[in-house]
């Protein structure tokens, strides 16, 4: 039995990762680093920055600037 190219369900059932809104902020420096948080972005704030999650809060960070 010959399958067509890309016919396997694993090509199409891959869940897309959710991106943090922190990455769009002008203070973002890269992996969990921010100009406003010297010790790294706190988990409490980071968890609220993902759109589509139950913890998402539009005003999750007082420093966020696009």
PDB file of N, CA and C in Angstrom:
ATOM      1  N   UNK A   1       0.844  -1.187   0.000  1.00  0.00           N
ATOM      2  CA  UNK A   1       0.000   0.000   0.000  1.00  0.00           C
ATOM      3  C   UNK A   1       0.890   1.251   0.000  1.00  0.00           C
ATOM      4  N   UNK A   2       0.689   2.077  -0.960  1.00  0.00           N
ATOM      5  CA  UNK A   2       1.495   3.285  -1.087  1.00  0.00           C
ATOM      6  C   UNK A   2       0.708   4.492  -0.570  1.00  0.00           C
ATOM      7  N   UNK A   3       1.329   5.258   0.325  1.00  0.00           N
ATOM      8  CA  UNK A   3       0.674   6.447   0.869  1.00  0.00           C
ATOM      9  C   UNK A   3       1.080   7.657   0.048  1.00  0.00           C
ATOM     10  N   UNK A   4       0.188   8.605  -0.004  1.00  0.00           N
ATOM     11  CA  UNK A   4       0.504   9.865  -0.669  1.00  0.00           C
ATOM     12  C   UNK A   4       1.402  10.695   0.245  1.00  0.00           C
ATOM     13  N   UNK A   5       2.201  11.524  -0.358  1.00  0.00           N
ATOM     14  CA  UNK A   5       3.084  12.389   0.390  1.00  0.00           C
ATOM     15  C   UNK A   5       2.275  13.278   1.340  1.00  0.00           C
ATOM     16  N   UNK A   6       2.697  13.356   2.591  1.00  0.00           N
ATOM     17  CA  UNK A   6       2.044  14.159   3.650  1.00  0.00           C
ATOM     18  C   UNK A   6       0.628  13.684   3.987  1.00  0.00           C
ATOM     19  N   UNK A   7       0.303  12.451   3.697  1.00  0.00           N
ATOM     20  CA  UNK A   7      -1.038  11.964   4.005  1.00  0.00           C
ATOM     21  C   UNK A   7      -1.155  11.463   5.444  1.00  0.00           C
ATOM     22  N   UNK A   8      -0.030  11.239   6.106  1.00  0.00           N
ATOM     23  CA  UNK A   8      -0.059  10.750   7.483  1.00  0.00           C
ATOM     24  C   UNK A   8      -0.626  11.828   8.398  1.00  0.00           C
ATOM     25  N   UNK A   9      -1.492  11.438   9.315  1.00  0.00           N
ATOM     26  CA  UNK A   9      -2.159  12.402  10.214  1.00  0.00           C
ATOM     27  C   UNK A   9      -1.175  13.167  11.079  1.00  0.00           C
ATOM     28  N   UNK A  10       0.021  12.627  11.314  1.00  0.00           N
ATOM     29  CA  UNK A  10       0.994  13.322  12.167  1.00  0.00           C
ATOM     30  C   UNK A  10       1.477  14.634  11.561  1.00  0.00           C
ATOM     31  N   UNK A  11       1.353  14.802  10.260  1.00  0.00           N
ATOM     32  CA  UNK A  11       1.717  16.069   9.626  1.00  0.00           C
ATOM     33  C   UNK A  11       0.715  17.165   9.969  1.00  0.00           C
ATOM     34  N   UNK A  12      -0.512  16.814  10.243  1.00  0.00           N
ATOM     35  CA  UNK A  12      -1.588  17.806  10.383  1.00  0.00           C
ATOM     36  C   UNK A  12      -2.130  17.926  11.796  1.00  0.00           C
ATOM     37  N   UNK A  13      -1.857  16.963  12.684  1.00  0.00           N
ATOM     38  CA  UNK A  13      -2.386  16.990  14.043  1.00  0.00           C
ATOM     39  C   UNK A  13      -1.433  17.636  15.042  1.00  0.00           C
ATOM     40  N   UNK A  14      -0.404  18.285  14.579  1.00  0.00           N
ATOM     41  CA  UNK A  14       0.581  18.891  15.452  1.00  0.00           C
ATOM     42  C   UNK A  14       0.003  20.165  16.097  1.00  0.00           C
ATOM     43  N   UNK A  15      -0.099  20.208  17.435  1.00  0.00           N
ATOM     44  CA  UNK A  15      -0.608  21.423  18.074  1.00  0.00           C
ATOM     45  C   UNK A  15       0.395  22.562  17.937  1.00  0.00           C
ATOM     46  N   UNK A  16      -0.097  23.737  17.703  1.00  0.00           N
ATOM     47  CA  UNK A  16       0.777  24.900  17.549  1.00  0.00           C
ATOM     48  C   UNK A  16       1.146  25.449  18.932  1.00  0.00           C
ATOM     49  N   UNK A  17       2.375  25.872  19.110  1.00  0.00           N
ATOM     50  CA  UNK A  17       2.784  26.436  20.403  1.00  0.00           C
ATOM     51  C   UNK A  17       2.138  27.800  20.636  1.00  0.00           C
ATOM     52  N   UNK A  18       1.940  28.127  21.870  1.00  0.00           N
ATOM     53  CA  UNK A  18       1.393  29.433  22.219  1.00  0.00           C
ATOM     54  C   UNK A  18       2.562  30.368  22.517  1.00  0.00           C
ATOM     55  N   UNK A  19       2.479  31.588  22.021  1.00  0.00           N
ATOM     56  CA  UNK A  19       3.547  32.566  22.231  1.00  0.00           C
ATOM     57  C   UNK A  19       3.158  33.550  23.323  1.00  0.00           C
ATOM     58  N   UNK A  20       4.143  33.931  24.104  1.00  0.00           N
ATOM     59  CA  UNK A  20       3.938  34.909  25.162  1.00  0.00           C
ATOM     60  C   UNK A  20       3.882  36.303  24.551  1.00  0.00           C
ATOM     61  N   UNK A  21       3.020  37.144  25.080  1.00  0.00           N
ATOM     62  CA  UNK A  21       2.949  38.529  24.621  1.00  0.00           C
ATOM     63  C   UNK A  21       4.174  39.321  25.059  1.00  0.00           C
ATOM     64  N   UNK A  22       4.931  38.778  25.998  1.00  0.00           N
ATOM     65  CA  UNK A  22       6.160  39.449  26.433  1.00  0.00           C
ATOM     66  C   UNK A  22       7.116  39.648  25.258  1.00  0.00           C
ATOM     67  N   UNK A  23       7.118  38.724  24.319  1.00  0.00           N
ATOM     68  CA  UNK A  23       8.033  38.793  23.183  1.00  0.00           C
ATOM     69  C   UNK A  23       7.751  39.983  22.273  1.00  0.00           C
ATOM     70  N   UNK A  24       6.592  40.595  22.397  1.00  0.00           N
ATOM     71  CA  UNK A  24       6.235  41.748  21.580  1.00  0.00           C
ATOM     72  C   UNK A  24       6.510  43.078  22.293  1.00  0.00           C
ATOM     73  N   UNK A  25       6.968  43.018  23.524  1.00  0.00           N
ATOM     74  CA  UNK A  25       7.204  44.219  24.333  1.00  0.00           C
ATOM     75  C   UNK A  25       8.578  44.816  24.012  1.00  0.00           C
ATOM     76  N   UNK A  26       8.690  46.129  24.111  1.00  0.00           N
ATOM     77  CA  UNK A  26       9.969  46.777  23.794  1.00  0.00           C
ATOM     78  C   UNK A  26      11.038  46.500  24.861  1.00  0.00           C
ATOM     79  N   UNK A  27      10.669  46.047  26.035  1.00  0.00           N
ATOM     80  CA  UNK A  27      11.613  45.737  27.103  1.00  0.00           C
ATOM     81  C   UNK A  27      12.133  44.305  27.036  1.00  0.00           C
ATOM     82  N   UNK A  28      11.587  43.491  26.144  1.00  0.00           N
ATOM     83  CA  UNK A  28      11.965  42.086  25.988  1.00  0.00           C
ATOM     84  C   UNK A  28      13.414  41.979  25.528  1.00  0.00           C
ATOM     85  N   UNK A  29      14.206  41.125  26.195  1.00  0.00           N
ATOM     86  CA  UNK A  29      15.604  40.933  25.827  1.00  0.00           C
ATOM     87  C   UNK A  29      15.882  39.543  25.271  1.00  0.00           C
ATOM     88  N   UNK A  30      14.953  38.682  25.331  1.00  0.00           N
ATOM     89  CA  UNK A  30      15.173  37.308  24.886  1.00  0.00           C
ATOM     90  C   UNK A  30      14.587  36.344  25.891  1.00  0.00           C
ATOM     91  N   UNK A  31      15.095  35.152  25.911  1.00  0.00           N
ATOM     92  CA  UNK A  31      14.536  34.071  26.717  1.00  0.00           C
ATOM     93  C   UNK A  31      14.329  34.457  28.183  1.00  0.00           C
ATOM     94  N   UNK A  32      13.082  34.756  28.536  1.00  0.00           N
ATOM     95  CA  UNK A  32      12.648  35.108  29.894  1.00  0.00           C
ATOM     96  C   UNK A  32      13.418  36.278  30.516  1.00  0.00           C
ATOM     97  N   UNK A  33      13.960  37.149  29.693  1.00  0.00           N
ATOM     98  CA  UNK A  33      14.684  38.304  30.209  1.00  0.00           C
ATOM     99  C   UNK A  33      13.989  39.585  29.780  1.00  0.00           C
ATOM    100  N   UNK A  34      13.976  40.552  30.703  1.00  0.00           N
ATOM    101  CA  UNK A  34      13.271  41.806  30.478  1.00  0.00           C
ATOM    102  C   UNK A  34      14.053  42.929  31.167  1.00  0.00           C
ATOM    103  N   UNK A  35      14.051  44.105  30.568  1.00  0.00           N
ATOM    104  CA  UNK A  35      14.723  45.254  31.181  1.00  0.00           C
ATOM    105  C   UNK A  35      14.128  45.614  32.534  1.00  0.00           C
ATOM    106  N   UNK A  36      12.848  45.373  32.726  1.00  0.00           N
ATOM    107  CA  UNK A  36      12.165  45.768  33.959  1.00  0.00           C
ATOM    108  C   UNK A  36      12.308  44.751  35.086  1.00  0.00           C
ATOM    109  N   UNK A  37      12.680  43.514  34.767  1.00  0.00           N
ATOM    110  CA  UNK A  37      12.833  42.463  35.782  1.00  0.00           C
ATOM    111  C   UNK A  37      14.254  41.906  35.690  1.00  0.00           C
ATOM    112  N   UNK A  38      15.139  42.386  36.564  1.00  0.00           N
ATOM    113  CA  UNK A  38      16.545  41.992  36.514  1.00  0.00           C
ATOM    114  C   UNK A  38      16.760  40.510  36.798  1.00  0.00           C
ATOM    115  N   UNK A  39      15.927  39.914  37.622  1.00  0.00           N
ATOM    116  CA  UNK A  39      16.067  38.505  37.979  1.00  0.00           C
ATOM    117  C   UNK A  39      15.317  37.588  37.019  1.00  0.00           C
ATOM    118  N   UNK A  40      14.769  38.123  35.964  1.00  0.00           N
ATOM    119  CA  UNK A  40      13.970  37.346  35.020  1.00  0.00           C
ATOM    120  C   UNK A  40      12.493  37.603  35.256  1.00  0.00           C
ATOM    121  N   UNK A  41      11.690  37.329  34.261  1.00  0.00           N
ATOM    122  CA  UNK A  41      10.250  37.565  34.357  1.00  0.00           C
ATOM    123  C   UNK A  41       9.658  36.590  35.363  1.00  0.00           C
ATOM    124  N   UNK A  42       8.960  37.099  36.390  1.00  0.00           N
ATOM    125  CA  UNK A  42       8.371  36.216  37.404  1.00  0.00           C
ATOM    126  C   UNK A  42       7.338  35.252  36.788  1.00  0.00           C
ATOM    127  N   UNK A  43       7.282  34.045  37.315  1.00  0.00           N
ATOM    128  CA  UNK A  43       6.327  33.039  36.819  1.00  0.00           C
ATOM    129  C   UNK A  43       4.894  33.542  36.861  1.00  0.00           C
ATOM    130  N   UNK A  44       4.556  34.283  37.914  1.00  0.00           N
ATOM    131  CA  UNK A  44       3.186  34.792  38.069  1.00  0.00           C
ATOM    132  C   UNK A  44       2.783  35.659  36.868  1.00  0.00           C
ATOM    133  N   UNK A  45       3.694  36.484  36.412  1.00  0.00           N
ATOM    134  CA  UNK A  45       3.427  37.362  35.268  1.00  0.00           C
ATOM    135  C   UNK A  45       3.524  36.583  33.962  1.00  0.00           C
ATOM    136  N   UNK A  46       4.537  35.755  33.831  1.00  0.00           N
ATOM    137  CA  UNK A  46       4.746  35.007  32.596  1.00  0.00           C
ATOM    138  C   UNK A  46       3.556  34.102  32.268  1.00  0.00           C
ATOM    139  N   UNK A  47       2.993  33.441  33.270  1.00  0.00           N
ATOM    140  CA  UNK A  47       1.868  32.529  33.038  1.00  0.00           C
ATOM    141  C   UNK A  47       0.618  33.261  32.556  1.00  0.00           C
ATOM    142  N   UNK A  48       0.490  34.531  32.897  1.00  0.00           N
ATOM    143  CA  UNK A  48      -0.666  35.316  32.461  1.00  0.00           C
ATOM    144  C   UNK A  48      -0.485  35.928  31.075  1.00  0.00           C
ATOM    145  N   UNK A  49       0.692  35.753  30.459  1.00  0.00           N
ATOM    146  CA  UNK A  49       0.996  36.414  29.195  1.00  0.00           C
ATOM    147  C   UNK A  49       0.689  35.586  27.946  1.00  0.00           C
ATOM    148  N   UNK A  50       0.153  34.382  28.111  1.00  0.00           N
ATOM    149  CA  UNK A  50      -0.123  33.509  26.970  1.00  0.00           C
ATOM    150  C   UNK A  50      -1.594  33.592  26.572  1.00  0.00           C
ATOM    151  N   UNK A  51      -1.860  34.112  25.383  1.00  0.00           N
ATOM    152  CA  UNK A  51      -3.238  34.202  24.883  1.00  0.00           C
ATOM    153  C   UNK A  51      -3.774  32.796  24.670  1.00  0.00           C
ATOM    154  N   UNK A  52      -5.015  32.583  25.050  1.00  0.00           N
ATOM    155  CA  UNK A  52      -5.657  31.286  24.848  1.00  0.00           C
ATOM    156  C   UNK A  52      -5.547  30.355  26.036  1.00  0.00           C
ATOM    157  N   UNK A  53      -4.850  30.766  27.087  1.00  0.00           N
ATOM    158  CA  UNK A  53      -4.777  29.938  28.283  1.00  0.00           C
ATOM    159  C   UNK A  53      -5.769  30.455  29.307  1.00  0.00           C
ATOM    160  N   UNK A  54      -6.101  29.631  30.280  1.00  0.00           N
ATOM    161  CA  UNK A  54      -7.102  30.055  31.265  1.00  0.00           C
ATOM    162  C   UNK A  54      -6.569  31.123  32.212  1.00  0.00           C
ATOM    163  N   UNK A  55      -5.250  31.258  32.349  1.00  0.00           N
ATOM    164  CA  UNK A  55      -4.660  32.274  33.225  1.00  0.00           C
ATOM    165  C   UNK A  55      -4.465  33.623  32.538  1.00  0.00           C
ATOM    166  N   UNK A  56      -4.724  33.715  31.236  1.00  0.00           N
ATOM    167  CA  UNK A  56      -4.446  34.941  30.489  1.00  0.00           C
ATOM    168  C   UNK A  56      -5.162  36.146  31.088  1.00  0.00           C
ATOM    169  N   UNK A  57      -4.426  37.219  31.246  1.00  0.00           N
ATOM    170  CA  UNK A  57      -4.962  38.483  31.744  1.00  0.00           C
ATOM    171  C   UNK A  57      -4.400  39.580  30.840  1.00  0.00           C
ATOM    172  N   UNK A  58      -5.273  40.359  30.247  1.00  0.00           N
ATOM    173  CA  UNK A  58      -4.849  41.392  29.294  1.00  0.00           C
ATOM    174  C   UNK A  58      -3.878  42.394  29.917  1.00  0.00           C
ATOM    175  N   UNK A  59      -4.042  42.660  31.191  1.00  0.00           N
ATOM    176  CA  UNK A  59      -3.173  43.620  31.876  1.00  0.00           C
ATOM    177  C   UNK A  59      -2.234  42.882  32.822  1.00  0.00           C
ATOM    178  N   UNK A  60      -1.568  41.859  32.305  1.00  0.00           N
ATOM    179  CA  UNK A  60      -0.728  40.996  33.140  1.00  0.00           C
ATOM    180  C   UNK A  60       0.540  41.674  33.641  1.00  0.00           C
ATOM    181  N   UNK A  61       1.036  42.699  32.919  1.00  0.00           N
ATOM    182  CA  UNK A  61       2.294  43.338  33.306  1.00  0.00           C
ATOM    183  C   UNK A  61       2.130  44.863  33.275  1.00  0.00           C
ATOM    184  N   UNK A  62       2.505  45.539  34.370  1.00  0.00           N
ATOM    185  CA  UNK A  62       2.357  47.000  34.394  1.00  0.00           C
ATOM    186  C   UNK A  62       3.362  47.721  33.488  1.00  0.00           C
ATOM    187  N   UNK A  63       4.408  47.026  33.054  1.00  0.00           N
ATOM    188  CA  UNK A  63       5.457  47.650  32.240  1.00  0.00           C
ATOM    189  C   UNK A  63       5.291  47.392  30.744  1.00  0.00           C
ATOM    190  N   UNK A  64       4.361  46.566  30.353  1.00  0.00           N
ATOM    191  CA  UNK A  64       4.253  46.131  28.950  1.00  0.00           C
ATOM    192  C   UNK A  64       3.962  47.309  28.016  1.00  0.00           C
ATOM    193  N   UNK A  65       4.827  47.456  27.009  1.00  0.00           N
ATOM    194  CA  UNK A  65       4.668  48.484  25.986  1.00  0.00           C
ATOM    195  C   UNK A  65       4.974  47.827  24.644  1.00  0.00           C
ATOM    196  N   UNK A  66       4.061  47.966  23.690  1.00  0.00           N
ATOM    197  CA  UNK A  66       4.283  47.362  22.367  1.00  0.00           C
ATOM    198  C   UNK A  66       5.174  48.220  21.516  1.00  0.00           C
TER     199      UNK A  66
END
